[in-house]
Protein backbone atom coordinates (compact mmCIF):
# COMPACT_ATOMS: atom_id res chain seq x y z
CA UNK A 1 82.03 50.65 202.08
CA UNK A 2 80.63 54.37 203.74
CA UNK A 3 77.06 54.03 202.40
CA UNK A 4 74.43 57.02 202.45
CA UNK A 5 71.61 57.93 204.98
CA UNK A 6 68.43 57.20 202.36
CA UNK A 7 66.91 58.73 205.86
CA UNK A 8 68.35 61.86 205.41
CA UNK A 9 66.81 64.95 203.27
CA UNK A 10 70.12 65.46 201.74
CA UNK A 11 69.63 64.45 198.10
CA UNK A 12 72.03 61.63 197.87
CA UNK A 13 74.35 63.16 195.53
CA UNK A 14 75.15 65.70 197.91
CA UNK A 15 76.27 62.88 200.08
CA UNK A 16 78.78 61.19 198.53
CA UNK A 17 79.76 65.25 197.48
CA UNK A 18 80.64 65.87 200.63
CA UNK A 19 82.32 63.34 201.82
CA UNK A 20 84.27 63.05 198.71
CA UNK A 21 85.42 66.59 199.58
CA UNK A 22 86.48 65.36 203.34
CA UNK A 23 88.56 62.52 202.13
CA UNK A 24 90.55 65.27 199.64
CA UNK A 25 90.81 67.30 202.32
CA UNK A 26 92.57 64.74 204.46
CA UNK A 27 94.71 63.63 200.68
CA UNK A 28 93.27 59.72 200.74
CA UNK A 29 93.18 59.81 196.89
CA UNK A 30 97.07 61.38 196.33
CA UNK A 31 97.89 58.32 193.92
CA UNK A 32 94.03 58.67 192.16
CA UNK A 33 90.93 59.11 191.91
CA UNK A 34 88.11 56.29 192.47
CA UNK A 35 86.50 55.29 188.98
CA UNK A 36 82.26 56.11 188.90
CA UNK A 37 82.53 52.26 189.46
CA UNK A 38 84.14 52.39 192.72
CA UNK A 39 82.17 55.25 193.82
CA UNK A 40 78.97 52.94 193.32
CA UNK A 41 80.59 50.35 195.28
CA UNK A 42 81.61 52.54 197.91
CA UNK A 43 78.56 54.38 198.58
CA UNK A 44 75.86 51.80 197.41
CA UNK A 45 74.75 54.36 195.12
CA UNK A 46 73.65 53.87 191.47
CA UNK A 47 76.19 55.33 188.65
CA UNK A 48 73.80 58.98 187.93
CA UNK A 49 74.16 59.81 191.27
CA UNK A 50 78.07 58.77 191.81
CA UNK A 51 78.63 61.27 188.67
CA UNK A 52 76.34 63.49 189.52
CA UNK A 53 78.87 63.79 192.53
CA UNK A 54 81.57 64.22 190.80
CA UNK A 55 80.05 66.76 188.20
CA UNK A 56 79.15 68.84 191.00
CA UNK A 57 82.70 68.73 191.94
CA UNK A 58 84.16 68.93 188.78
CA UNK A 59 81.83 72.35 188.23
CA UNK A 60 84.01 73.73 190.55
CA UNK A 61 87.65 72.84 188.97
CA UNK A 62 88.08 70.43 192.47
CA UNK A 63 88.31 67.38 189.55
CA UNK A 64 88.89 67.07 186.14
CA UNK A 65 87.04 64.20 183.69
CA UNK A 66 89.64 63.39 181.33
CA UNK A 67 89.22 61.19 178.04
CA UNK A 68 91.01 57.76 178.39
CA UNK A 69 92.03 58.88 181.81
CA UNK A 70 88.59 59.47 183.83
CA UNK A 71 88.54 61.30 186.82
CA UNK A 72 91.51 63.29 188.92
CA UNK A 73 92.16 65.96 191.07
CA UNK A 74 93.01 69.42 189.57
CA UNK A 75 96.61 70.33 190.33
CA UNK A 76 97.46 74.18 191.48
CA UNK A 77 93.73 74.66 192.62
CA UNK A 78 93.13 78.24 193.51
CA UNK A 79 90.52 80.19 194.59
CA UNK A 80 90.41 83.85 194.62
CA UNK A 81 87.74 86.08 196.02
CA UNK A 82 86.44 88.70 193.86
CA UNK A 83 85.94 91.55 196.09
CA UNK A 84 89.72 93.25 195.73
CA UNK A 85 91.74 93.63 192.99
CA UNK A 86 93.91 91.01 192.35
CA UNK A 87 96.24 89.91 190.35
CA UNK A 88 96.58 86.43 188.07
CA UNK A 89 99.51 86.25 188.33
CA UNK A 90 99.92 86.01 192.12
CA UNK A 91 97.02 83.95 192.21
CA UNK A 92 97.84 81.58 189.38
CA UNK A 93 101.60 81.13 191.82
CA UNK A 94 100.15 80.92 194.90
CA UNK A 95 98.87 78.06 193.34
CA UNK A 96 102.65 76.58 193.67
CA UNK A 97 102.34 76.85 189.60
CA UNK A 98 105.19 79.29 188.47
CA UNK A 99 103.37 81.78 185.89
CA UNK A 100 105.68 83.35 182.99
CA UNK A 101 104.66 85.88 180.07
CA UNK A 102 106.39 85.36 176.47
CA UNK A 103 105.55 89.43 175.30
CA UNK A 104 103.59 89.55 171.84
CA UNK A 105 104.58 93.56 171.11
CA UNK A 106 104.47 96.23 172.85
CA UNK A 107 103.75 99.56 171.36
CA UNK A 108 102.22 102.92 171.25
CA UNK A 109 98.38 103.29 169.94
CA UNK A 110 95.37 105.35 169.31
CA UNK A 111 92.88 102.78 170.80
CA UNK A 112 89.64 104.71 171.07
CA UNK A 113 87.36 101.98 173.57
CA UNK A 114 90.95 102.17 175.78
CA UNK A 115 90.61 106.13 175.51
CA UNK A 116 87.27 106.58 176.77
CA UNK A 117 87.47 103.18 179.62
CA UNK A 118 90.38 105.34 181.10
CA UNK A 119 88.88 108.33 180.26
CA UNK A 120 91.53 110.31 178.61
CA UNK A 121 90.34 112.06 174.80
CA UNK A 122 90.18 109.77 171.78
CA UNK A 123 93.31 110.41 170.35
CA UNK A 124 95.49 110.03 173.20
CA UNK A 125 98.19 107.62 172.51
CA UNK A 126 98.28 104.80 175.11
CA UNK A 127 101.15 101.86 175.87
CA UNK A 128 99.48 98.10 175.09
CA UNK A 129 101.35 95.81 176.32
CA UNK A 130 100.55 92.57 174.78
CA UNK A 131 101.08 88.87 176.42
CA UNK A 132 101.13 85.32 176.28
CA UNK A 133 100.41 84.24 179.63
CA UNK A 134 101.52 80.97 180.47
CA UNK A 135 100.99 78.45 184.55
CA UNK A 136 103.39 75.86 184.70
CA UNK A 137 104.64 75.23 181.20
CA UNK A 138 100.27 75.78 180.14
CA UNK A 139 99.43 78.14 177.97
CA UNK A 140 96.73 80.03 180.28
CA UNK A 141 95.54 83.63 178.86
CA UNK A 142 96.44 85.87 176.58
CA UNK A 143 96.47 89.61 178.43
CA UNK A 144 96.21 92.79 176.90
CA UNK A 145 97.03 95.91 178.36
CA UNK A 146 96.11 99.64 177.69
CA UNK A 147 97.95 102.15 180.17
CA UNK A 148 97.96 106.06 179.82
CA UNK A 149 101.48 107.67 178.34
CA UNK A 150 102.23 108.72 182.03
CA UNK A 151 101.53 105.12 183.79
CA UNK A 152 102.93 103.53 180.35
CA UNK A 153 106.54 105.44 179.90
CA UNK A 154 108.34 104.30 182.52
CA UNK A 155 107.11 100.47 181.54
CA UNK A 156 108.27 100.23 178.00
CA UNK A 157 111.36 97.92 178.03
CA UNK A 158 110.23 95.94 181.03
CA UNK A 159 111.04 92.23 181.26
CA UNK A 160 107.56 90.62 181.50
CA UNK A 161 108.76 87.11 181.37
CA UNK A 162 108.49 86.48 185.66
CA UNK A 163 106.75 89.65 186.98
CA UNK A 164 103.27 91.27 187.34
CA UNK A 165 101.61 94.39 185.36
CA UNK A 166 101.00 95.12 189.44
CA UNK A 167 104.02 94.82 190.66
CA UNK A 168 105.53 97.24 188.26
CA UNK A 169 103.01 99.69 188.33
CA UNK A 170 104.64 99.42 192.48
CA UNK A 171 107.89 99.34 191.53
CA UNK A 172 107.35 102.70 189.31
CA UNK A 173 105.74 104.82 191.56
CA UNK A 174 102.42 104.62 190.66
CA UNK A 175 100.79 102.61 193.29
CA UNK A 176 99.01 99.21 193.03
CA UNK A 177 95.08 99.65 191.53
CA UNK A 178 92.62 99.20 194.46
CA UNK A 179 89.36 100.46 192.98
CA UNK A 180 87.97 99.41 189.58
CA UNK A 181 85.58 97.19 187.60
CA UNK A 182 85.65 93.57 186.38
CA UNK A 183 83.07 91.82 183.60
CA UNK A 184 83.66 88.12 182.51
CA UNK A 185 81.64 86.90 178.96
CA UNK A 186 82.51 84.17 176.56
CA UNK A 187 83.74 85.06 173.91
CA UNK A 188 85.41 82.95 170.11
CA UNK A 189 89.20 84.26 170.50
CA UNK A 190 90.59 84.97 166.45
CA UNK A 191 92.11 82.14 164.85
CA UNK A 192 95.67 83.66 166.25
CA UNK A 193 93.97 83.79 170.00
CA UNK A 194 93.21 80.43 170.05
CA UNK A 195 95.84 79.02 168.25
CA UNK A 196 98.47 80.54 170.76
CA UNK A 197 96.15 78.94 173.89
CA UNK A 198 96.31 75.74 172.07
CA UNK A 199 92.94 75.51 171.90
CA UNK A 200 90.85 74.28 168.68
CA UNK A 201 87.83 75.84 166.69
CA UNK A 202 85.19 76.62 167.78
CA UNK A 203 86.85 76.49 171.67
CA UNK A 204 85.35 79.42 173.25
CA UNK A 205 87.01 81.41 176.57
CA UNK A 206 86.79 83.93 179.16
CA UNK A 207 87.28 87.50 178.20
CA UNK A 208 87.49 89.20 181.11
CA UNK A 209 87.66 93.04 180.90
CA UNK A 210 89.02 95.19 183.78
CA UNK A 211 89.38 98.75 184.30
CA UNK A 212 91.95 99.47 187.23
CA UNK A 213 92.32 102.39 189.65
CA UNK A 214 94.42 103.69 192.47
CA UNK A 215 91.67 105.69 193.94
CA UNK A 216 89.71 108.11 191.77
CA UNK A 217 93.20 107.50 188.68
CA UNK A 218 92.20 105.51 186.24
CA UNK A 219 95.69 103.41 185.32
CA UNK A 220 94.89 100.07 183.17
CA UNK A 221 92.28 98.98 180.85
CA UNK A 222 92.83 95.28 180.03
CA UNK A 223 91.00 92.48 177.86
CA UNK A 224 92.21 88.84 178.46
CA UNK A 225 91.62 86.15 176.66
CA UNK A 226 91.62 82.75 179.04
CA UNK A 227 90.72 79.93 178.90
CA UNK A 228 87.51 78.12 179.77
CA UNK A 229 89.08 74.91 181.01
CA UNK A 230 91.30 77.00 183.29
CA UNK A 231 88.88 79.06 185.32
CA UNK A 232 86.32 78.81 186.90
CA UNK A 233 83.40 81.78 188.52
CA UNK A 234 81.96 80.26 192.48
CA UNK A 235 78.93 81.49 194.35
CA UNK A 236 78.14 80.16 197.65
CA UNK A 237 75.02 81.35 198.72
CA UNK A 238 75.29 81.05 202.82
CA UNK A 239 72.56 82.48 205.35
CA UNK A 240 71.77 84.81 203.15
CA UNK A 241 75.36 86.13 202.48
CA UNK A 242 76.38 86.04 199.14
CA UNK A 243 80.26 85.63 197.76
CA UNK A 244 82.53 84.90 194.52
CA UNK A 245 84.91 84.03 193.56
CA UNK A 246 87.51 82.90 190.62
CA UNK A 247 89.54 79.52 190.93
CA UNK A 248 92.06 78.04 188.40
CA UNK A 249 92.31 75.42 187.44
CA UNK A 250 95.19 72.42 185.82
CA UNK A 251 94.77 71.59 182.14
CA UNK A 252 95.94 68.21 181.05
CA UNK A 253 95.79 67.59 177.08
CA UNK A 254 92.73 64.70 177.05
């Protein structure tokens, strides 16, 4: 038994959470994660305290609460700092999952919003690449990217099944984006996108909008719809510093 220190100024749930983190890092829960009842007995705390500690871990994507199975460790945990132009493909594969894509469409379009973001006239013909992206065998994101004509032309007929846009931009001489901005917000997907992602109504998704640049040159305008149960933004505060990152978590049907 590992009781909490009731004389400590640290809240009981925080003590339980910290010890669970330690035990997770030590690979103590390779077979299964303790039930709420087992945590209550182990730490000598109330069920509410045990659940709060687990809830905090779930918020960061470290564990997943599943109907009928209780709490399980999340597979493929990846944490990616948001202070760099990260690649979703690389982040998924770094977590031990294969990232594959199904090409939904590749065509020339006139899209005023995308052209404006790229600093081009509204009537400019852009290459739009639309993909369904999977982590392992599970749908992760519907990804749409608009590219300036000179950037998109060398990418036509690319086999997108197991590659990243950034890898292809390097291979075709454009270079990897190293500047830009990104916005994350919650939206309701269209019925078709919800079906592609395996979601029901009215499940929300995260919408990531990104302008990627190589130096001062805009090379991509992207809008990705990512399953909200696969993605979390984590912020840490320490010593007056703030550090934000994204975390990808595994999904298992309930």
